[in-house]
C-alpha atoms as a PDB file:
ATOM      1  CA  UNK A   1     118.855  19.445  61.807  1.00  0.00           C
ATOM      2  CA  UNK A   2     117.290  22.471  63.462  1.00  0.00           C
ATOM      3  CA  UNK A   3     116.268  25.725  61.810  1.00  0.00           C
ATOM      4  CA  UNK A   4     115.525  29.089  63.308  1.00  0.00           C
ATOM      5  CA  UNK A   5     111.950  29.820  64.270  1.00  0.00           C
ATOM      6  CA  UNK A   6     112.124  33.092  62.364  1.00  0.00           C
ATOM      7  CA  UNK A   7     113.197  31.322  59.143  1.00  0.00           C
ATOM      8  CA  UNK A   8     110.480  28.682  59.526  1.00  0.00           C
ATOM      9  CA  UNK A   9     107.845  31.373  59.977  1.00  0.00           C
ATOM     10  CA  UNK A  10     109.113  33.223  56.907  1.00  0.00           C
ATOM     11  CA  UNK A  11     108.817  30.123  54.678  1.00  0.00           C
ATOM     12  CA  UNK A  12     105.251  29.238  55.693  1.00  0.00           C
ATOM     13  CA  UNK A  13     102.725  29.686  52.881  1.00  0.00           C
ATOM     14  CA  UNK A  14      99.410  28.420  54.332  1.00  0.00           C
ATOM     15  CA  UNK A  15      97.454  28.427  57.581  1.00  0.00           C
ATOM     16  CA  UNK A  16      97.685  24.649  57.772  1.00  0.00           C
ATOM     17  CA  UNK A  17     101.480  24.944  57.867  1.00  0.00           C
ATOM     18  CA  UNK A  18     101.356  27.701  60.485  1.00  0.00           C
ATOM     19  CA  UNK A  19      98.893  26.012  62.853  1.00  0.00           C
ATOM     20  CA  UNK A  20     101.102  23.140  64.184  1.00  0.00           C
ATOM     21  CA  UNK A  21     103.900  25.615  64.899  1.00  0.00           C
ATOM     22  CA  UNK A  22     101.550  28.009  66.685  1.00  0.00           C
ATOM     23  CA  UNK A  23     100.386  25.183  68.970  1.00  0.00           C
ATOM     24  CA  UNK A  24     103.957  24.802  70.276  1.00  0.00           C
ATOM     25  CA  UNK A  25     104.568  28.505  70.879  1.00  0.00           C
ATOM     26  CA  UNK A  26     104.510  30.242  74.243  1.00  0.00           C
ATOM     27  CA  UNK A  27     104.797  33.881  75.258  1.00  0.00           C
ATOM     28  CA  UNK A  28     107.729  35.038  77.367  1.00  0.00           C
ATOM     29  CA  UNK A  29     108.925  38.301  78.940  1.00  0.00           C
ATOM     30  CA  UNK A  30     112.636  39.023  79.375  1.00  0.00           C
ATOM     31  CA  UNK A  31     113.990  40.869  82.469  1.00  0.00           C
ATOM     32  CA  UNK A  32     114.641  43.928  80.293  1.00  0.00           C
ATOM     33  CA  UNK A  33     111.019  44.106  79.093  1.00  0.00           C
ATOM     34  CA  UNK A  34     111.144  42.369  75.687  1.00  0.00           C
ATOM     35  CA  UNK A  35     107.897  40.513  74.890  1.00  0.00           C
ATOM     36  CA  UNK A  36     108.704  37.515  72.721  1.00  0.00           C
ATOM     37  CA  UNK A  37     107.615  34.041  71.711  1.00  0.00           C
ATOM     38  CA  UNK A  38     109.602  30.831  71.987  1.00  0.00           C
ATOM     39  CA  UNK A  39     108.890  27.268  70.832  1.00  0.00           C
ATOM     40  CA  UNK A  40     108.744  24.208  73.064  1.00  0.00           C
ATOM     41  CA  UNK A  41     109.812  21.799  70.299  1.00  0.00           C
ATOM     42  CA  UNK A  42     113.537  22.579  70.363  1.00  0.00           C
ATOM     43  CA  UNK A  43     114.406  19.473  68.342  1.00  0.00           C
ATOM     44  CA  UNK A  44     113.315  20.919  64.998  1.00  0.00           C
ATOM     45  CA  UNK A  45     113.265  24.700  65.591  1.00  0.00           C
ATOM     46  CA  UNK A  46     115.070  27.096  67.863  1.00  0.00           C
ATOM     47  CA  UNK A  47     115.165  30.799  68.567  1.00  0.00           C
ATOM     48  CA  UNK A  48     112.610  33.455  69.378  1.00  0.00           C
ATOM     49  CA  UNK A  49     110.309  35.833  67.517  1.00  0.00           C
ATOM     50  CA  UNK A  50     108.521  39.023  68.515  1.00  0.00           C
ATOM     51  CA  UNK A  51     105.098  38.764  70.129  1.00  0.00           C
ATOM     52  CA  UNK A  52     103.365  40.109  67.024  1.00  0.00           C
ATOM     53  CA  UNK A  53     105.190  38.016  64.408  1.00  0.00           C
ATOM     54  CA  UNK A  54     102.552  35.281  64.252  1.00  0.00           C
ATOM     55  CA  UNK A  55      99.764  37.830  63.834  1.00  0.00           C
ATOM     56  CA  UNK A  56     101.607  39.619  61.043  1.00  0.00           C
ATOM     57  CA  UNK A  57     102.200  36.278  59.312  1.00  0.00           C
ATOM     58  CA  UNK A  58      98.503  35.383  59.414  1.00  0.00           C
ATOM     59  CA  UNK A  59      97.657  38.647  57.695  1.00  0.00           C
ATOM     60  CA  UNK A  60     100.420  38.217  55.100  1.00  0.00           C
ATOM     61  CA  UNK A  61      99.019  34.806  54.144  1.00  0.00           C
ATOM     62  CA  UNK A  62      95.552  36.308  53.776  1.00  0.00           C
ATOM     63  CA  UNK A  63      96.821  39.216  51.673  1.00  0.00           C
ATOM     64  CA  UNK A  64      98.697  36.818  49.376  1.00  0.00           C
ATOM     65  CA  UNK A  65      95.549  34.722  48.911  1.00  0.00           C
ATOM     66  CA  UNK A  66      93.568  37.832  47.983  1.00  0.00           C
ATOM     67  CA  UNK A  67      96.257  39.053  45.577  1.00  0.00           C
ATOM     68  CA  UNK A  68      96.407  35.655  43.816  1.00  0.00           C
ATOM     69  CA  UNK A  69      92.625  35.046  43.933  1.00  0.00           C
ATOM     70  CA  UNK A  70      93.038  31.838  45.987  1.00  0.00           C
ATOM     71  CA  UNK A  71      89.956  30.787  47.923  1.00  0.00           C
ATOM     72  CA  UNK A  72      89.817  29.036  51.271  1.00  0.00           C
ATOM     73  CA  UNK A  73      89.657  25.263  51.223  1.00  0.00           C
ATOM     74  CA  UNK A  74      87.573  23.699  54.038  1.00  0.00           C
ATOM     75  CA  UNK A  75      90.839  22.625  55.681  1.00  0.00           C
ATOM     76  CA  UNK A  76      92.289  26.120  55.489  1.00  0.00           C
ATOM     77  CA  UNK A  77      89.092  27.680  56.832  1.00  0.00           C
ATOM     78  CA  UNK A  78      89.166  25.309  59.799  1.00  0.00           C
ATOM     79  CA  UNK A  79      92.859  26.086  60.349  1.00  0.00           C
ATOM     80  CA  UNK A  80      92.067  29.823  60.502  1.00  0.00           C
ATOM     81  CA  UNK A  81      89.570  29.253  63.314  1.00  0.00           C
ATOM     82  CA  UNK A  82      92.000  27.114  65.324  1.00  0.00           C
ATOM     83  CA  UNK A  83      94.847  29.538  64.655  1.00  0.00           C
ATOM     84  CA  UNK A  84      92.809  32.440  66.029  1.00  0.00           C
ATOM     85  CA  UNK A  85      92.387  30.511  69.274  1.00  0.00           C
ATOM     86  CA  UNK A  86      96.123  29.857  69.484  1.00  0.00           C
ATOM     87  CA  UNK A  87      96.995  33.528  68.937  1.00  0.00           C
ATOM     88  CA  UNK A  88      94.464  34.542  71.591  1.00  0.00           C
ATOM     89  CA  UNK A  89      96.130  32.052  73.941  1.00  0.00           C
ATOM     90  CA  UNK A  90      99.556  33.587  73.264  1.00  0.00           C
ATOM     91  CA  UNK A  91      98.267  37.067  74.034  1.00  0.00           C
ATOM     92  CA  UNK A  92      96.627  35.716  77.199  1.00  0.00           C
ATOM     93  CA  UNK A  93      99.989  34.324  78.312  1.00  0.00           C
ATOM     94  CA  UNK A  94     101.685  37.617  77.416  1.00  0.00           C
ATOM     95  CA  UNK A  95      99.162  39.590  79.455  1.00  0.00           C
ATOM     96  CA  UNK A  96      99.716  37.325  82.468  1.00  0.00           C
ATOM     97  CA  UNK A  97     103.503  37.726  82.128  1.00  0.00           C
ATOM     98  CA  UNK A  98     103.163  41.510  82.065  1.00  0.00           C
ATOM     99  CA  UNK A  99     100.916  41.555  85.140  1.00  0.00           C
ATOM    100  CA  UNK A 100     103.381  39.425  87.116  1.00  0.00           C
ATOM    101  CA  UNK A 101     106.479  41.406  86.100  1.00  0.00           C
ATOM    102  CA  UNK A 102     108.443  43.460  88.643  1.00  0.00           C
ATOM    103  CA  UNK A 103     108.614  47.248  88.541  1.00  0.00           C
ATOM    104  CA  UNK A 104     111.918  47.461  86.651  1.00  0.00           C
ATOM    105  CA  UNK A 105     110.796  45.001  83.928  1.00  0.00           C
ATOM    106  CA  UNK A 106     107.491  46.842  83.589  1.00  0.00           C
ATOM    107  CA  UNK A 107     109.319  50.152  83.135  1.00  0.00           C
ATOM    108  CA  UNK A 108     111.575  48.640  80.467  1.00  0.00           C
ATOM    109  CA  UNK A 109     108.552  47.195  78.695  1.00  0.00           C
ATOM    110  CA  UNK A 110     106.775  50.557  78.533  1.00  0.00           C
ATOM    111  CA  UNK A 111     109.923  52.222  77.159  1.00  0.00           C
ATOM    112  CA  UNK A 112     110.344  49.543  74.460  1.00  0.00           C
ATOM    113  CA  UNK A 113     106.659  49.708  73.527  1.00  0.00           C
ATOM    114  CA  UNK A 114     106.856  53.485  73.207  1.00  0.00           C
ATOM    115  CA  UNK A 115     110.025  53.544  71.123  1.00  0.00           C
ATOM    116  CA  UNK A 116     109.229  50.626  68.798  1.00  0.00           C
ATOM    117  CA  UNK A 117     105.412  50.601  69.101  1.00  0.00           C
ATOM    118  CA  UNK A 118     105.341  46.893  69.890  1.00  0.00           C
ATOM    119  CA  UNK A 119     101.887  46.806  71.449  1.00  0.00           C
ATOM    120  CA  UNK A 120     100.574  44.290  68.929  1.00  0.00           C
ATOM    121  CA  UNK A 121      97.722  43.315  71.221  1.00  0.00           C
ATOM    122  CA  UNK A 122      95.919  46.485  70.162  1.00  0.00           C
ATOM    123  CA  UNK A 123      95.974  45.199  66.546  1.00  0.00           C
ATOM    124  CA  UNK A 124      94.758  41.696  67.271  1.00  0.00           C
ATOM    125  CA  UNK A 125      91.010  42.371  67.807  1.00  0.00           C
ATOM    126  CA  UNK A 126      90.661  43.976  64.367  1.00  0.00           C
ATOM    127  CA  UNK A 127      92.902  41.326  62.774  1.00  0.00           C
ATOM    128  CA  UNK A 128      90.911  38.497  64.348  1.00  0.00           C
ATOM    129  CA  UNK A 129      87.647  39.955  63.036  1.00  0.00           C
ATOM    130  CA  UNK A 130      89.146  40.357  59.567  1.00  0.00           C
ATOM    131  CA  UNK A 131      90.384  36.740  59.519  1.00  0.00           C
ATOM    132  CA  UNK A 132      86.840  35.488  60.061  1.00  0.00           C
ATOM    133  CA  UNK A 133      85.440  37.551  57.196  1.00  0.00           C
ATOM    134  CA  UNK A 134      85.271  36.368  53.558  1.00  0.00           C
ATOM    135  CA  UNK A 135      88.325  37.016  51.423  1.00  0.00           C
ATOM    136  CA  UNK A 136      88.227  40.309  49.550  1.00  0.00           C
ATOM    137  CA  UNK A 137      89.409  39.542  46.007  1.00  0.00           C
ATOM    138  CA  UNK A 138      89.466  42.078  43.191  1.00  0.00           C
ATOM    139  CA  UNK A 139      87.134  40.918  40.445  1.00  0.00           C
ATOM    140  CA  UNK A 140      89.665  41.921  37.787  1.00  0.00           C
ATOM    141  CA  UNK A 141      92.270  39.721  39.472  1.00  0.00           C
ATOM    142  CA  UNK A 142      89.880  36.782  39.775  1.00  0.00           C
ATOM    143  CA  UNK A 143      88.963  36.953  36.074  1.00  0.00           C
ATOM    144  CA  UNK A 144      92.602  37.309  35.041  1.00  0.00           C
ATOM    145  CA  UNK A 145      93.743  34.367  37.214  1.00  0.00           C
ATOM    146  CA  UNK A 146      91.041  31.958  35.989  1.00  0.00           C
ATOM    147  CA  UNK A 147      92.714  29.088  34.114  1.00  0.00           C
ATOM    148  CA  UNK A 148      89.651  27.111  33.045  1.00  0.00           C
ATOM    149  CA  UNK A 149      85.902  27.479  32.635  1.00  0.00           C
ATOM    150  CA  UNK A 150      85.071  26.048  36.043  1.00  0.00           C
ATOM    151  CA  UNK A 151      87.160  28.747  37.735  1.00  0.00           C
ATOM    152  CA  UNK A 152      85.722  31.422  35.453  1.00  0.00           C
ATOM    153  CA  UNK A 153      82.166  30.307  36.171  1.00  0.00           C
ATOM    154  CA  UNK A 154      82.837  30.396  39.923  1.00  0.00           C
ATOM    155  CA  UNK A 155      83.554  34.115  39.583  1.00  0.00           C
ATOM    156  CA  UNK A 156      80.896  35.137  37.080  1.00  0.00           C
ATOM    157  CA  UNK A 157      77.999  33.270  38.729  1.00  0.00           C
ATOM    158  CA  UNK A 158      77.903  35.938  41.450  1.00  0.00           C
ATOM    159  CA  UNK A 159      78.200  38.960  39.159  1.00  0.00           C
ATOM    160  CA  UNK A 160      75.440  41.299  38.094  1.00  0.00           C
ATOM    161  CA  UNK A 161      75.269  44.168  35.612  1.00  0.00           C
ATOM    162  CA  UNK A 162      75.451  47.763  36.771  1.00  0.00           C
ATOM    163  CA  UNK A 163      75.428  51.217  35.194  1.00  0.00           C
ATOM    164  CA  UNK A 164      77.066  54.202  36.844  1.00  0.00           C
ATOM    165  CA  UNK A 165      75.521  57.666  36.614  1.00  0.00           C
ATOM    166  CA  UNK A 166      78.359  58.690  34.264  1.00  0.00           C
ATOM    167  CA  UNK A 167      77.538  55.868  31.847  1.00  0.00           C
ATOM    168  CA  UNK A 168      80.047  53.110  32.645  1.00  0.00           C
ATOM    169  CA  UNK A 169      78.549  49.678  31.943  1.00  0.00           C
ATOM    170  CA  UNK A 170      80.116  47.201  34.337  1.00  0.00           C
ATOM    171  CA  UNK A 171      79.679  43.971  36.258  1.00  0.00           C
ATOM    172  CA  UNK A 172      80.039  43.721  40.042  1.00  0.00           C
ATOM    173  CA  UNK A 173      79.555  41.209  42.847  1.00  0.00           C
ATOM    174  CA  UNK A 174      75.927  41.411  43.908  1.00  0.00           C
ATOM    175  CA  UNK A 175      76.752  39.880  47.322  1.00  0.00           C
ATOM    176  CA  UNK A 176      78.375  43.064  48.671  1.00  0.00           C
ATOM    177  CA  UNK A 177      78.187  43.548  51.597  1.00  0.00           C
ATOM    178  CA  UNK A 178      79.163  39.905  52.208  1.00  0.00           C
ATOM    179  CA  UNK A 179      77.541  37.474  54.606  1.00  0.00           C
ATOM    180  CA  UNK A 180      79.454  35.407  57.158  1.00  0.00           C
ATOM    181  CA  UNK A 181      79.061  32.088  55.318  1.00  0.00           C
ATOM    182  CA  UNK A 182      80.775  33.231  52.100  1.00  0.00           C
ATOM    183  CA  UNK A 183      84.271  32.076  51.180  1.00  0.00           C
ATOM    184  CA  UNK A 184      85.147  35.162  49.156  1.00  0.00           C
ATOM    185  CA  UNK A 185      83.636  38.344  47.796  1.00  0.00           C
ATOM    186  CA  UNK A 186      84.755  40.083  44.611  1.00  0.00           C
ATOM    187  CA  UNK A 187      85.403  43.780  44.995  1.00  0.00           C
ATOM    188  CA  UNK A 188      85.563  46.484  42.375  1.00  0.00           C
ATOM    189  CA  UNK A 189      84.084  46.513  38.878  1.00  0.00           C
ATOM    190  CA  UNK A 190      84.914  44.892  35.560  1.00  0.00           C
ATOM    191  CA  UNK A 191      83.876  45.904  32.071  1.00  0.00           C
ATOM    192  CA  UNK A 192      80.909  44.039  30.646  1.00  0.00           C
ATOM    193  CA  UNK A 193      82.909  42.423  27.853  1.00  0.00           C
ATOM    194  CA  UNK A 194      85.912  41.268  29.898  1.00  0.00           C
ATOM    195  CA  UNK A 195      84.326  37.973  30.927  1.00  0.00           C
ATOM    196  CA  UNK A 196      83.499  36.899  27.376  1.00  0.00           C
ATOM    197  CA  UNK A 197      86.958  37.914  26.187  1.00  0.00           C
ATOM    198  CA  UNK A 198      88.554  35.828  28.957  1.00  0.00           C
ATOM    199  CA  UNK A 199      86.425  32.855  27.941  1.00  0.00           C
ATOM    200  CA  UNK A 200      87.718  33.088  24.383  1.00  0.00           C
ATOM    201  CA  UNK A 201      91.314  33.304  25.635  1.00  0.00           C
ATOM    202  CA  UNK A 202      90.838  30.124  27.676  1.00  0.00           C
ATOM    203  CA  UNK A 203      89.506  28.318  24.621  1.00  0.00           C
ATOM    204  CA  UNK A 204      92.412  29.519  22.471  1.00  0.00           C
ATOM    205  CA  UNK A 205      94.903  28.324  25.080  1.00  0.00           C
ATOM    206  CA  UNK A 206      93.196  24.913  25.287  1.00  0.00           C
ATOM    207  CA  UNK A 207      93.306  24.632  21.502  1.00  0.00           C
ATOM    208  CA  UNK A 208      96.996  25.554  21.364  1.00  0.00           C
ATOM    209  CA  UNK A 209      97.856  22.974  24.035  1.00  0.00           C
ATOM    210  CA  UNK A 210      95.694  20.266  22.464  1.00  0.00           C
ATOM    211  CA  UNK A 211      93.359  20.032  25.475  1.00  0.00           C
ATOM    212  CA  UNK A 212      89.769  18.935  24.850  1.00  0.00           C
ATOM    213  CA  UNK A 213      86.648  19.385  26.949  1.00  0.00           C
ATOM    214  CA  UNK A 214      85.756  17.006  29.730  1.00  0.00           C
ATOM    215  CA  UNK A 215      82.171  16.822  30.979  1.00  0.00           C
ATOM    216  CA  UNK A 216      82.628  19.334  33.810  1.00  0.00           C
ATOM    217  CA  UNK A 217      84.343  21.883  31.590  1.00  0.00           C
ATOM    218  CA  UNK A 218      81.733  21.575  28.842  1.00  0.00           C
ATOM    219  CA  UNK A 219      78.874  22.032  31.300  1.00  0.00           C
ATOM    220  CA  UNK A 220      80.704  25.045  32.751  1.00  0.00           C
ATOM    221  CA  UNK A 221      80.892  26.568  29.261  1.00  0.00           C
ATOM    222  CA  UNK A 222      77.148  26.212  28.770  1.00  0.00           C
ATOM    223  CA  UNK A 223      76.379  27.643  32.209  1.00  0.00           C
ATOM    224  CA  UNK A 224      78.814  30.476  31.531  1.00  0.00           C
ATOM    225  CA  UNK A 225      76.993  31.331  28.289  1.00  0.00           C
ATOM    226  CA  UNK A 226      73.720  31.430  30.203  1.00  0.00           C
ATOM    227  CA  UNK A 227      75.176  33.705  32.876  1.00  0.00           C
ATOM    228  CA  UNK A 228      76.618  36.167  30.362  1.00  0.00           C
ATOM    229  CA  UNK A 229      73.286  36.263  28.561  1.00  0.00           C
ATOM    230  CA  UNK A 230      71.488  37.187  31.803  1.00  0.00           C
ATOM    231  CA  UNK A 231      74.073  39.875  32.552  1.00  0.00           C
ATOM    232  CA  UNK A 232      73.578  41.377  29.106  1.00  0.00           C
ATOM    233  CA  UNK A 233      69.817  41.277  29.624  1.00  0.00           C
ATOM    234  CA  UNK A 234      70.208  43.208  32.863  1.00  0.00           C
ATOM    235  CA  UNK A 235      72.642  45.621  31.174  1.00  0.00           C
ATOM    236  CA  UNK A 236      70.113  46.322  28.429  1.00  0.00           C
ATOM    237  CA  UNK A 237      67.411  47.043  31.011  1.00  0.00           C
ATOM    238  CA  UNK A 238      69.766  49.381  32.885  1.00  0.00           C
ATOM    239  CA  UNK A 239      70.470  51.308  29.671  1.00  0.00           C
ATOM    240  CA  UNK A 240      66.759  51.524  28.780  1.00  0.00           C
ATOM    241  CA  UNK A 241      65.896  52.935  32.216  1.00  0.00           C
ATOM    242  CA  UNK A 242      68.816  55.379  32.452  1.00  0.00           C
ATOM    243  CA  UNK A 243      68.245  59.134  32.607  1.00  0.00           C
ATOM    244  CA  UNK A 244      69.284  61.452  29.783  1.00  0.00           C
ATOM    245  CA  UNK A 245      72.609  62.469  31.317  1.00  0.00           C
ATOM    246  CA  UNK A 246      73.694  58.848  31.849  1.00  0.00           C
ATOM    247  CA  UNK A 247      72.520  57.899  28.359  1.00  0.00           C
ATOM    248  CA  UNK A 248      74.560  60.683  26.760  1.00  0.00           C
ATOM    249  CA  UNK A 249      77.652  59.752  28.788  1.00  0.00           C
ATOM    250  CA  UNK A 250      77.218  56.094  27.847  1.00  0.00           C
ATOM    251  CA  UNK A 251      76.984  56.897  24.141  1.00  0.00           C
ATOM    252  CA  UNK A 252      80.091  59.094  24.343  1.00  0.00           C
ATOM    253  CA  UNK A 253      82.049  56.302  26.067  1.00  0.00           C
ATOM    254  CA  UNK A 254      80.782  53.822  23.511  1.00  0.00           C
ATOM    255  CA  UNK A 255      82.106  55.962  20.664  1.00  0.00           C
ATOM    256  CA  UNK A 256      85.443  56.771  22.333  1.00  0.00           C
ATOM    257  CA  UNK A 257      86.293  53.313  23.708  1.00  0.00           C
ATOM    258  CA  UNK A 258      84.087  51.037  21.554  1.00  0.00           C
ATOM    259  CA  UNK A 259      82.462  49.495  24.601  1.00  0.00           C
ATOM    260  CA  UNK A 260      79.554  47.867  22.762  1.00  0.00           C
ATOM    261  CA  UNK A 261      80.563  44.346  23.768  1.00  0.00           C
ATOM    262  CA  UNK A 262      77.091  42.982  23.178  1.00  0.00           C
ATOM    263  CA  UNK A 263      77.697  43.141  19.435  1.00  0.00           C
ATOM    264  CA  UNK A 264      80.672  40.781  19.900  1.00  0.00           C
ATOM    265  CA  UNK A 265      78.684  38.358  22.031  1.00  0.00           C
ATOM    266  CA  UNK A 266      76.020  37.869  19.379  1.00  0.00           C
ATOM    267  CA  UNK A 267      72.552  39.081  18.485  1.00  0.00           C
ATOM    268  CA  UNK A 268      70.847  38.477  21.798  1.00  0.00           C
ATOM    269  CA  UNK A 269      67.498  40.036  21.036  1.00  0.00           C
ATOM    270  CA  UNK A 270      66.825  38.873  17.492  1.00  0.00           C
ATOM    271  CA  UNK A 271      67.686  35.761  15.548  1.00  0.00           C
ATOM    272  CA  UNK A 272      70.910  36.220  13.606  1.00  0.00           C
ATOM    273  CA  UNK A 273      70.183  36.641   9.917  1.00  0.00           C
ATOM    274  CA  UNK A 274      73.505  35.382   8.595  1.00  0.00           C
ATOM    275  CA  UNK A 275      74.108  31.687   9.157  1.00  0.00           C
ATOM    276  CA  UNK A 276      77.837  32.089   8.507  1.00  0.00           C
ATOM    277  CA  UNK A 277      78.221  34.690  11.279  1.00  0.00           C
ATOM    278  CA  UNK A 278      79.979  32.981  14.224  1.00  0.00           C
ATOM    279  CA  UNK A 279      79.181  34.486  17.617  1.00  0.00           C
ATOM    280  CA  UNK A 280      81.013  33.995  20.914  1.00  0.00           C
ATOM    281  CA  UNK A 281      78.485  31.458  22.289  1.00  0.00           C
ATOM    282  CA  UNK A 282      78.794  29.362  19.138  1.00  0.00           C
ATOM    283  CA  UNK A 283      82.572  29.530  19.253  1.00  0.00           C
ATOM    284  CA  UNK A 284      82.715  28.560  22.933  1.00  0.00           C
ATOM    285  CA  UNK A 285      80.224  25.708  22.615  1.00  0.00           C
ATOM    286  CA  UNK A 286      81.971  23.942  19.730  1.00  0.00           C
ATOM    287  CA  UNK A 287      83.873  20.846  20.844  1.00  0.00           C
ATOM    288  CA  UNK A 288      87.637  20.919  20.774  1.00  0.00           C
ATOM    289  CA  UNK A 289      89.662  17.989  19.367  1.00  0.00           C
ATOM    290  CA  UNK A 290      89.965  15.268  21.980  1.00  0.00           C
ATOM    291  CA  UNK A 291      86.874  16.305  23.912  1.00  0.00           C
ATOM    292  CA  UNK A 292      85.184  13.651  26.056  1.00  0.00           C
ATOM    293  CA  UNK A 293      81.690  14.802  26.870  1.00  0.00           C
ATOM    294  CA  UNK A 294      78.689  12.912  28.239  1.00  0.00           C
ATOM    295  CA  UNK A 295      75.551  14.869  29.012  1.00  0.00           C
ATOM    296  CA  UNK A 296      74.577  14.477  32.692  1.00  0.00           C
ATOM    297  CA  UNK A 297      71.230  12.860  33.446  1.00  0.00           C
ATOM    298  CA  UNK A 298      70.289  15.175  36.325  1.00  0.00           C
ATOM    299  CA  UNK A 299      70.329  18.737  35.063  1.00  0.00           C
ATOM    300  CA  UNK A 300      69.881  21.824  37.251  1.00  0.00           C
ATOM    301  CA  UNK A 301      66.540  23.580  36.804  1.00  0.00           C
ATOM    302  CA  UNK A 302      66.032  27.301  37.091  1.00  0.00           C
ATOM    303  CA  UNK A 303      62.858  29.311  36.676  1.00  0.00           C
ATOM    304  CA  UNK A 304      64.311  31.925  34.328  1.00  0.00           C
ATOM    305  CA  UNK A 305      66.389  29.584  32.228  1.00  0.00           C
ATOM    306  CA  UNK A 306      65.743  26.283  30.491  1.00  0.00           C
ATOM    307  CA  UNK A 307      69.080  24.503  30.711  1.00  0.00           C
ATOM    308  CA  UNK A 308      68.350  21.978  27.939  1.00  0.00           C
ATOM    309  CA  UNK A 309      68.050  24.796  25.403  1.00  0.00           C
ATOM    310  CA  UNK A 310      71.803  25.249  25.521  1.00  0.00           C
ATOM    311  CA  UNK A 311      72.774  21.889  24.072  1.00  0.00           C
ATOM    312  CA  UNK A 312      74.609  22.925  20.879  1.00  0.00           C
ATOM    313  CA  UNK A 313      73.071  20.631  18.241  1.00  0.00           C
ATOM    314  CA  UNK A 314      74.075  23.067  15.493  1.00  0.00           C
ATOM    315  CA  UNK A 315      74.588  26.767  14.926  1.00  0.00           C
ATOM    316  CA  UNK A 316      71.010  27.483  13.883  1.00  0.00           C
ATOM    317  CA  UNK A 317      69.477  25.829  16.955  1.00  0.00           C
ATOM    318  CA  UNK A 318      71.946  27.614  19.214  1.00  0.00           C
ATOM    319  CA  UNK A 319      71.023  30.968  17.695  1.00  0.00           C
ATOM    320  CA  UNK A 320      67.359  30.116  18.089  1.00  0.00           C
ATOM    321  CA  UNK A 321      67.962  29.133  21.723  1.00  0.00           C
ATOM    322  CA  UNK A 322      69.589  32.518  22.383  1.00  0.00           C
ATOM    323  CA  UNK A 323      66.451  34.185  21.058  1.00  0.00           C
ATOM    324  CA  UNK A 324      63.902  31.959  22.803  1.00  0.00           C
ATOM    325  CA  UNK A 325      65.307  31.918  26.344  1.00  0.00           C
ATOM    326  CA  UNK A 326      62.550  32.734  28.809  1.00  0.00           C
ATOM    327  CA  UNK A 327      63.031  35.912  30.813  1.00  0.00           C
END
């Protein structure tokens, strides 16, 4: 059973699905000046598509990945590189066809390009450069789409605290502008407390579904608590060093929108006085029913953080650990 090439292209969702089709495509030029692409494998697919259809599809896949906060897998990243070569080959064939065309076909082609603006070759250089760059994912989308602590940690580990001149306390991706070896960069800003609130929502969902911690998830929770602590430390320093105008704006926003999320996270700068006061780190670190957790032997070491301090023996030791973390 054969399907149309246009329908097959429409149903493709990934670069790995698009690549084998692109390898069998070739550029053609009709006598009346229409630049199109046909497929050599007529057994499974038939028909033609416009010369720019493959390029537009590559960008649609990328845009969908960015909208859904889906990162490149190594296989997908490799497929993007190979696909760029195939598209360049198609445009090379199209250029050769145009150069070899007779006068009448060339005239038709110019008329069609003018009326329908079908000169997709002019778009390809910028598209090709964009395909090789890291994905641009909104940080709000990435936080919202995170389904577990490993995914949440993957986003927050690259965030840092910032303070705008008009007093907005936020977190942003410190890797902007991105480097070539990154898979994705998170654009925009997110409120300081959004990450902790998302962490609590994940825990509540796990509890409702009867899902316990495995080792990777539990370690991700502890690393997440460390990262949020460091962000709050940086946020406090930003507020202490702010000028008078920014300080006034920040206090006004705090009163209007209750943006003092540090009070919800816990007493970060002094040991909590009330032992029955449950903070976010304590709530997150408590095991869920059905948890299977074995502490890894090889623990990551960092200069500004002693990882072993985060093992939640009990509430008092966890509160003490929050206070005694080295800065």
